[in-house]
Amino acid sequence: MDIDAVKSSYARWAPVYDRTFGAITRAGRHATVSHINSQPVNTVLEVGVGTGLALRHYRRDLQVTGIDFSEEMLKKARTRIREERLDYVQQLRQMDARALDFPDNHFDLVTAMHIVSVVPEPEQVVAEMARVCKPGGQIVITNHFARDTGLLAVVEKLSAPFSGLLGWHSDFSISTVLNHPALAVKLRKSLPPMGVMTFLVLEKTMQAVA
């Protein structure tokens, strides 16, 4: 999926996102933010912040930055911040996740909720998340990953040709985010509904990111 397809897809979904995908991904957001709130961290980057559905749930002492490629999504997120007075959100910026405009080793924790299967070059996105995360910090990813067997695996394969219309890759492999040499898996578990979503906690090792 190229960047223009992503842009047009999320411009199309932005008006109804909260009531559709937002509802489907609620369990993943809850698991992700609950984990983040339990960690001894100060600075958090949310990659693919979308309409800001997760923002209200962060600990109020955190310093949260959000980025998204879609201006339509960010407009809704900015409205949410203003109306709910989410002062701990430091900034929201329009940005391509493949080229994050932040220094190396900048955030205590970087998270991506339900976006790695919708972006072009997901390996590059993961590499950028690792680059801006401090050594010893965490990358927390919640996403749907393709199954190898069963009825859902068949449905995923049949849906794959429609990725441009749907806005995500239904047959997205978890190996895409597990192969980065500077990241080690600390936790991996399935989430409802029916274990469709996977919750991952990766730790950035001291190994330099290429």
C-alpha atoms as a PDB file:
ATOM      1  CA  MET A   1       0.000   0.000   0.000  1.00  0.00           C
ATOM      2  CA  ASP A   2       1.527   3.343  -1.035  1.00  0.00           C
ATOM      3  CA  ILE A   3       1.350   6.586   0.920  1.00  0.00           C
ATOM      4  CA  ASP A   4      -1.290   8.124  -1.358  1.00  0.00           C
ATOM      5  CA  ALA A   5      -3.547   5.113  -0.804  1.00  0.00           C
ATOM      6  CA  VAL A   6      -3.098   5.476   2.956  1.00  0.00           C
ATOM      7  CA  LYS A   7      -3.875   9.179   2.801  1.00  0.00           C
ATOM      8  CA  SER A   8      -7.043   8.747   0.748  1.00  0.00           C
ATOM      9  CA  SER A   9      -8.172   5.756   2.806  1.00  0.00           C
ATOM     10  CA  TYR A  10      -7.952   7.608   6.107  1.00  0.00           C
ATOM     11  CA  ALA A  11      -9.501  10.760   4.712  1.00  0.00           C
ATOM     12  CA  ARG A  12     -12.407   8.484   3.798  1.00  0.00           C
ATOM     13  CA  TRP A  13     -12.556   6.779   7.204  1.00  0.00           C
ATOM     14  CA  ALA A  14     -11.875   9.806   9.447  1.00  0.00           C
ATOM     15  CA  PRO A  15     -15.540  10.930   9.835  1.00  0.00           C
ATOM     16  CA  VAL A  16     -16.684   7.487  11.012  1.00  0.00           C
ATOM     17  CA  TYR A  17     -13.463   6.028  12.451  1.00  0.00           C
ATOM     18  CA  ASP A  18     -14.424   6.342  16.129  1.00  0.00           C
ATOM     19  CA  ARG A  19     -17.673   4.420  15.620  1.00  0.00           C
ATOM     20  CA  THR A  20     -16.221   1.702  13.380  1.00  0.00           C
ATOM     21  CA  PHE A  21     -12.541   0.753  13.744  1.00  0.00           C
ATOM     22  CA  GLY A  22     -12.390   2.695  16.991  1.00  0.00           C
ATOM     23  CA  ALA A  23     -14.918   0.328  18.521  1.00  0.00           C
ATOM     24  CA  ILE A  24     -13.239  -2.789  17.114  1.00  0.00           C
ATOM     25  CA  THR A  25      -9.812  -1.775  18.448  1.00  0.00           C
ATOM     26  CA  ARG A  26     -10.955  -0.703  21.933  1.00  0.00           C
ATOM     27  CA  ALA A  27      -9.470  -3.753  23.684  1.00  0.00           C
ATOM     28  CA  GLY A  28      -6.087  -3.165  22.059  1.00  0.00           C
ATOM     29  CA  ARG A  29      -6.002   0.481  23.099  1.00  0.00           C
ATOM     30  CA  HIS A  30      -6.978  -0.413  26.652  1.00  0.00           C
ATOM     31  CA  ALA A  31      -4.267  -3.088  26.938  1.00  0.00           C
ATOM     32  CA  THR A  32      -1.629  -0.807  25.438  1.00  0.00           C
ATOM     33  CA  VAL A  33      -2.314   2.283  27.534  1.00  0.00           C
ATOM     34  CA  SER A  34      -2.778   0.249  30.725  1.00  0.00           C
ATOM     35  CA  HIS A  35       0.664  -1.252  30.165  1.00  0.00           C
ATOM     36  CA  ILE A  36       2.224   2.140  29.434  1.00  0.00           C
ATOM     37  CA  ASN A  37       0.664   3.669  32.552  1.00  0.00           C
ATOM     38  CA  SER A  38       2.220   0.899  34.655  1.00  0.00           C
ATOM     39  CA  GLN A  39       5.745   1.620  33.422  1.00  0.00           C
ATOM     40  CA  PRO A  40       8.311   3.975  35.033  1.00  0.00           C
ATOM     41  CA  VAL A  41       8.457   6.260  31.985  1.00  0.00           C
ATOM     42  CA  ASN A  42       8.013   9.976  31.353  1.00  0.00           C
ATOM     43  CA  THR A  43       8.059  10.552  27.600  1.00  0.00           C
ATOM     44  CA  VAL A  44       5.810   8.635  25.207  1.00  0.00           C
ATOM     45  CA  LEU A  45       5.475   8.813  21.433  1.00  0.00           C
ATOM     46  CA  GLU A  46       2.265   7.481  19.895  1.00  0.00           C
ATOM     47  CA  VAL A  47       2.836   6.714  16.219  1.00  0.00           C
ATOM     48  CA  GLY A  48      -0.420   6.831  14.273  1.00  0.00           C
ATOM     49  CA  VAL A  49      -2.357   8.739  16.907  1.00  0.00           C
ATOM     50  CA  GLY A  50      -5.363   8.988  14.583  1.00  0.00           C
ATOM     51  CA  THR A  51      -8.350  10.776  16.096  1.00  0.00           C
ATOM     52  CA  GLY A  52      -6.754  10.585  19.544  1.00  0.00           C
ATOM     53  CA  LEU A  53      -8.978   7.872  21.000  1.00  0.00           C
ATOM     54  CA  ALA A  54      -6.235   6.662  23.372  1.00  0.00           C
ATOM     55  CA  LEU A  55      -5.105  10.086  24.581  1.00  0.00           C
ATOM     56  CA  ARG A  56      -7.619  10.545  27.401  1.00  0.00           C
ATOM     57  CA  HIS A  57      -6.480   7.324  29.068  1.00  0.00           C
ATOM     58  CA  TYR A  58      -2.792   8.126  29.600  1.00  0.00           C
ATOM     59  CA  ARG A  59      -1.447   8.975  33.044  1.00  0.00           C
ATOM     60  CA  ARG A  60      -1.638  12.714  33.511  1.00  0.00           C
ATOM     61  CA  ASP A  61       2.017  12.996  34.561  1.00  0.00           C
ATOM     62  CA  LEU A  62       3.252  11.608  31.228  1.00  0.00           C
ATOM     63  CA  GLN A  63       4.538  13.780  28.399  1.00  0.00           C
ATOM     64  CA  VAL A  64       2.764  12.434  25.330  1.00  0.00           C
ATOM     65  CA  THR A  65       3.569  13.267  21.711  1.00  0.00           C
ATOM     66  CA  GLY A  66       1.417  12.009  18.857  1.00  0.00           C
ATOM     67  CA  ILE A  67       2.085  11.852  15.125  1.00  0.00           C
ATOM     68  CA  ASP A  68      -0.089  10.885  12.176  1.00  0.00           C
ATOM     69  CA  PHE A  69       0.103  11.232   8.412  1.00  0.00           C
ATOM     70  CA  SER A  70      -3.576  12.141   8.083  1.00  0.00           C
ATOM     71  CA  GLU A  71      -4.472  15.780   8.699  1.00  0.00           C
ATOM     72  CA  GLU A  72      -8.144  14.797   8.820  1.00  0.00           C
ATOM     73  CA  MET A  73      -7.437  12.481  11.733  1.00  0.00           C
ATOM     74  CA  LEU A  74      -5.252  15.047  13.489  1.00  0.00           C
ATOM     75  CA  LYS A  75      -7.977  17.702  13.287  1.00  0.00           C
ATOM     76  CA  LYS A  76     -10.277  15.428  15.265  1.00  0.00           C
ATOM     77  CA  ALA A  77      -7.484  14.633  17.744  1.00  0.00           C
ATOM     78  CA  ARG A  78      -6.745  18.336  18.316  1.00  0.00           C
ATOM     79  CA  THR A  79     -10.422  19.000  18.973  1.00  0.00           C
ATOM     80  CA  ARG A  80     -10.465  16.138  21.476  1.00  0.00           C
ATOM     81  CA  ILE A  81      -7.427  17.530  23.311  1.00  0.00           C
ATOM     82  CA  ARG A  82      -8.945  20.985  23.519  1.00  0.00           C
ATOM     83  CA  GLU A  83     -12.398  19.843  24.625  1.00  0.00           C
ATOM     84  CA  GLU A  84     -11.110  17.344  27.196  1.00  0.00           C
ATOM     85  CA  ARG A  85      -8.235  19.568  28.381  1.00  0.00           C
ATOM     86  CA  LEU A  86      -5.579  16.922  27.899  1.00  0.00           C
ATOM     87  CA  ASP A  87      -2.709  19.182  28.906  1.00  0.00           C
ATOM     88  CA  TYR A  88      -0.206  16.329  29.169  1.00  0.00           C
ATOM     89  CA  VAL A  89      -0.289  15.917  25.375  1.00  0.00           C
ATOM     90  CA  GLN A  90       2.769  17.953  24.464  1.00  0.00           C
ATOM     91  CA  GLN A  91       2.204  18.104  20.727  1.00  0.00           C
ATOM     92  CA  LEU A  92       0.484  16.510  17.764  1.00  0.00           C
ATOM     93  CA  ARG A  93       2.380  16.626  14.481  1.00  0.00           C
ATOM     94  CA  GLN A  94       1.692  15.622  10.901  1.00  0.00           C
ATOM     95  CA  MET A  95       4.510  13.277   9.984  1.00  0.00           C
ATOM     96  CA  ASP A  96       5.443  10.280   7.851  1.00  0.00           C
ATOM     97  CA  ALA A  97       6.212   7.420  10.255  1.00  0.00           C
ATOM     98  CA  ARG A  98       8.948   6.220   7.895  1.00  0.00           C
ATOM     99  CA  ALA A  99      11.003   9.357   8.638  1.00  0.00           C
ATOM    100  CA  LEU A 100      10.300  10.541  12.173  1.00  0.00           C
ATOM    101  CA  ASP A 101      11.468  14.088  12.805  1.00  0.00           C
ATOM    102  CA  PHE A 102      12.905  13.369  16.253  1.00  0.00           C
ATOM    103  CA  PRO A 103      16.479  12.775  17.468  1.00  0.00           C
ATOM    104  CA  ASP A 104      17.908   9.332  18.163  1.00  0.00           C
ATOM    105  CA  ASN A 105      17.220   7.879  21.633  1.00  0.00           C
ATOM    106  CA  HIS A 106      14.612  10.542  22.422  1.00  0.00           C
ATOM    107  CA  PHE A 107      11.570   8.808  24.005  1.00  0.00           C
ATOM    108  CA  ASP A 108      11.271   6.456  26.961  1.00  0.00           C
ATOM    109  CA  LEU A 109       8.572   4.482  25.179  1.00  0.00           C
ATOM    110  CA  VAL A 110       7.170   4.388  21.633  1.00  0.00           C
ATOM    111  CA  THR A 111       3.814   2.848  20.806  1.00  0.00           C
ATOM    112  CA  ALA A 112       1.845   2.039  17.666  1.00  0.00           C
ATOM    113  CA  MET A 113      -1.745   0.850  17.984  1.00  0.00           C
ATOM    114  CA  HIS A 114      -3.258  -0.819  14.931  1.00  0.00           C
ATOM    115  CA  ILE A 115      -1.140   1.028  12.369  1.00  0.00           C
ATOM    116  CA  VAL A 116       1.841  -1.134  11.344  1.00  0.00           C
ATOM    117  CA  SER A 117      -0.342  -3.078   8.908  1.00  0.00           C
ATOM    118  CA  VAL A 118      -1.622   0.091   7.203  1.00  0.00           C
ATOM    119  CA  VAL A 119       1.610   1.968   6.522  1.00  0.00           C
ATOM    120  CA  PRO A 120       3.898   1.588   3.514  1.00  0.00           C
ATOM    121  CA  GLU A 121       7.276   0.016   4.342  1.00  0.00           C
ATOM    122  CA  PRO A 122       6.342  -1.222   7.833  1.00  0.00           C
ATOM    123  CA  GLU A 123       9.893  -2.476   8.442  1.00  0.00           C
ATOM    124  CA  GLN A 124      11.132   1.092   8.027  1.00  0.00           C
ATOM    125  CA  VAL A 125       8.455   2.353  10.421  1.00  0.00           C
ATOM    126  CA  VAL A 126       9.577  -0.143  13.065  1.00  0.00           C
ATOM    127  CA  ALA A 127      13.199   0.855  12.462  1.00  0.00           C
ATOM    128  CA  GLU A 128      12.300   4.505  13.014  1.00  0.00           C
ATOM    129  CA  MET A 129      10.405   3.660  16.196  1.00  0.00           C
ATOM    130  CA  ALA A 130      13.481   1.830  17.454  1.00  0.00           C
ATOM    131  CA  ARG A 131      15.768   4.701  16.481  1.00  0.00           C
ATOM    132  CA  VAL A 132      13.894   7.338  18.490  1.00  0.00           C
ATOM    133  CA  CYS A 133      13.431   5.056  21.513  1.00  0.00           C
ATOM    134  CA  LYS A 134      16.038   5.222  24.260  1.00  0.00           C
ATOM    135  CA  PRO A 135      18.218   2.145  24.859  1.00  0.00           C
ATOM    136  CA  GLY A 136      16.452   0.016  27.441  1.00  0.00           C
ATOM    137  CA  GLY A 137      13.140   1.598  26.456  1.00  0.00           C
ATOM    138  CA  GLN A 138      10.095  -0.156  25.074  1.00  0.00           C
ATOM    139  CA  ILE A 139       8.293  -0.402  21.759  1.00  0.00           C
ATOM    140  CA  VAL A 140       4.663  -1.377  22.403  1.00  0.00           C
ATOM    141  CA  ILE A 141       2.684  -2.577  19.383  1.00  0.00           C
ATOM    142  CA  THR A 142      -0.909  -3.739  19.151  1.00  0.00           C
ATOM    143  CA  ASN A 143      -2.015  -5.023  15.768  1.00  0.00           C
ATOM    144  CA  HIS A 144      -3.731  -7.731  13.794  1.00  0.00           C
ATOM    145  CA  PHE A 145      -1.316 -10.261  12.331  1.00  0.00           C
ATOM    146  CA  ALA A 146      -2.089 -12.992   9.824  1.00  0.00           C
ATOM    147  CA  ARG A 147      -2.820 -16.496  11.016  1.00  0.00           C
ATOM    148  CA  ASP A 148      -1.272 -19.565   9.432  1.00  0.00           C
ATOM    149  CA  THR A 149      -4.279 -21.867   9.758  1.00  0.00           C
ATOM    150  CA  GLY A 150      -8.024 -21.884  10.359  1.00  0.00           C
ATOM    151  CA  LEU A 151     -11.042 -20.054   8.998  1.00  0.00           C
ATOM    152  CA  LEU A 152      -9.670 -16.608   9.812  1.00  0.00           C
ATOM    153  CA  ALA A 153      -6.530 -17.387   7.815  1.00  0.00           C
ATOM    154  CA  VAL A 154      -8.730 -18.089   4.780  1.00  0.00           C
ATOM    155  CA  VAL A 155     -10.684 -14.859   5.276  1.00  0.00           C
ATOM    156  CA  GLU A 156      -7.444 -12.882   5.605  1.00  0.00           C
ATOM    157  CA  LYS A 157      -6.096 -14.262   2.351  1.00  0.00           C
ATOM    158  CA  LEU A 158      -9.364 -13.577   0.520  1.00  0.00           C
ATOM    159  CA  SER A 159      -9.419  -9.989   1.836  1.00  0.00           C
ATOM    160  CA  ALA A 160      -5.791  -9.248   0.935  1.00  0.00           C
ATOM    161  CA  PRO A 161      -6.489  -7.964  -2.635  1.00  0.00           C
ATOM    162  CA  PHE A 162      -8.777  -5.281  -1.169  1.00  0.00           C
ATOM    163  CA  SER A 163      -6.133  -3.735   1.112  1.00  0.00           C
ATOM    164  CA  GLY A 164      -6.243  -0.393  -0.720  1.00  0.00           C
ATOM    165  CA  LEU A 165      -9.983  -0.063  -0.216  1.00  0.00           C
ATOM    166  CA  LEU A 166     -10.027  -1.372   3.351  1.00  0.00           C
ATOM    167  CA  GLY A 167      -7.032   0.652   4.500  1.00  0.00           C
ATOM    168  CA  TRP A 168      -5.029  -2.225   5.994  1.00  0.00           C
ATOM    169  CA  HIS A 169      -3.312  -5.496   5.058  1.00  0.00           C
ATOM    170  CA  SER A 170      -5.427  -8.394   6.315  1.00  0.00           C
ATOM    171  CA  ASP A 171      -2.587 -10.877   5.657  1.00  0.00           C
ATOM    172  CA  PHE A 172       0.136  -8.917   7.489  1.00  0.00           C
ATOM    173  CA  SER A 173       2.875 -11.148   8.947  1.00  0.00           C
ATOM    174  CA  ILE A 174       4.157 -10.666  12.500  1.00  0.00           C
ATOM    175  CA  SER A 175       7.708 -11.351  11.279  1.00  0.00           C
ATOM    176  CA  THR A 176       7.643  -7.852   9.813  1.00  0.00           C
ATOM    177  CA  VAL A 177       7.969  -6.339  13.276  1.00  0.00           C
ATOM    178  CA  LEU A 178      10.004  -9.061  14.978  1.00  0.00           C
ATOM    179  CA  ASN A 179      13.099  -9.015  12.787  1.00  0.00           C
ATOM    180  CA  HIS A 180      14.703  -5.757  13.895  1.00  0.00           C
ATOM    181  CA  PRO A 181      18.130  -6.584  15.414  1.00  0.00           C
ATOM    182  CA  ALA A 182      17.901  -3.970  18.191  1.00  0.00           C
ATOM    183  CA  LEU A 183      14.550  -5.192  19.533  1.00  0.00           C
ATOM    184  CA  ALA A 184      13.915  -8.157  21.827  1.00  0.00           C
ATOM    185  CA  VAL A 185      10.448  -9.576  22.555  1.00  0.00           C
ATOM    186  CA  LYS A 186       9.496  -9.141  26.233  1.00  0.00           C
ATOM    187  CA  LEU A 187       5.790  -9.972  26.004  1.00  0.00           C
ATOM    188  CA  ARG A 188       3.449 -11.359  23.370  1.00  0.00           C
ATOM    189  CA  LYS A 189      -0.215 -12.196  23.928  1.00  0.00           C
ATOM    190  CA  SER A 190      -3.504 -12.416  22.057  1.00  0.00           C
ATOM    191  CA  LEU A 191      -6.358  -9.991  22.688  1.00  0.00           C
ATOM    192  CA  PRO A 192     -10.106 -10.113  22.111  1.00  0.00           C
ATOM    193  CA  PRO A 193     -12.175 -10.368  20.091  1.00  0.00           C
ATOM    194  CA  MET A 194     -11.351 -14.048  19.422  1.00  0.00           C
ATOM    195  CA  GLY A 195      -7.626 -13.405  19.722  1.00  0.00           C
ATOM    196  CA  VAL A 196      -7.670 -11.434  16.485  1.00  0.00           C
ATOM    197  CA  MET A 197      -5.333  -8.754  17.877  1.00  0.00           C
ATOM    198  CA  THR A 198      -1.824  -9.293  19.248  1.00  0.00           C
ATOM    199  CA  PHE A 199      -0.188  -7.256  22.002  1.00  0.00           C
ATOM    200  CA  LEU A 200       3.606  -6.981  21.770  1.00  0.00           C
ATOM    201  CA  VAL A 201       6.163  -5.415  24.093  1.00  0.00           C
ATOM    202  CA  LEU A 202       9.641  -5.128  22.585  1.00  0.00           C
ATOM    203  CA  GLU A 203      12.687  -3.835  24.446  1.00  0.00           C
ATOM    204  CA  LYS A 204      15.369  -1.824  22.709  1.00  0.00           C
ATOM    205  CA  THR A 205      18.691  -3.400  23.527  1.00  0.00           C
ATOM    206  CA  MET A 206      21.970  -1.540  23.780  1.00  0.00           C
ATOM    207  CA  GLN A 207      22.800  -2.634  20.240  1.00  0.00           C
ATOM    208  CA  ALA A 208      23.139   0.332  17.880  1.00  0.00           C
ATOM    209  CA  VAL A 209      20.377   0.830  15.341  1.00  0.00           C
ATOM    210  CA  ALA A 210      21.659   0.874  11.782  1.00  0.00           C
END
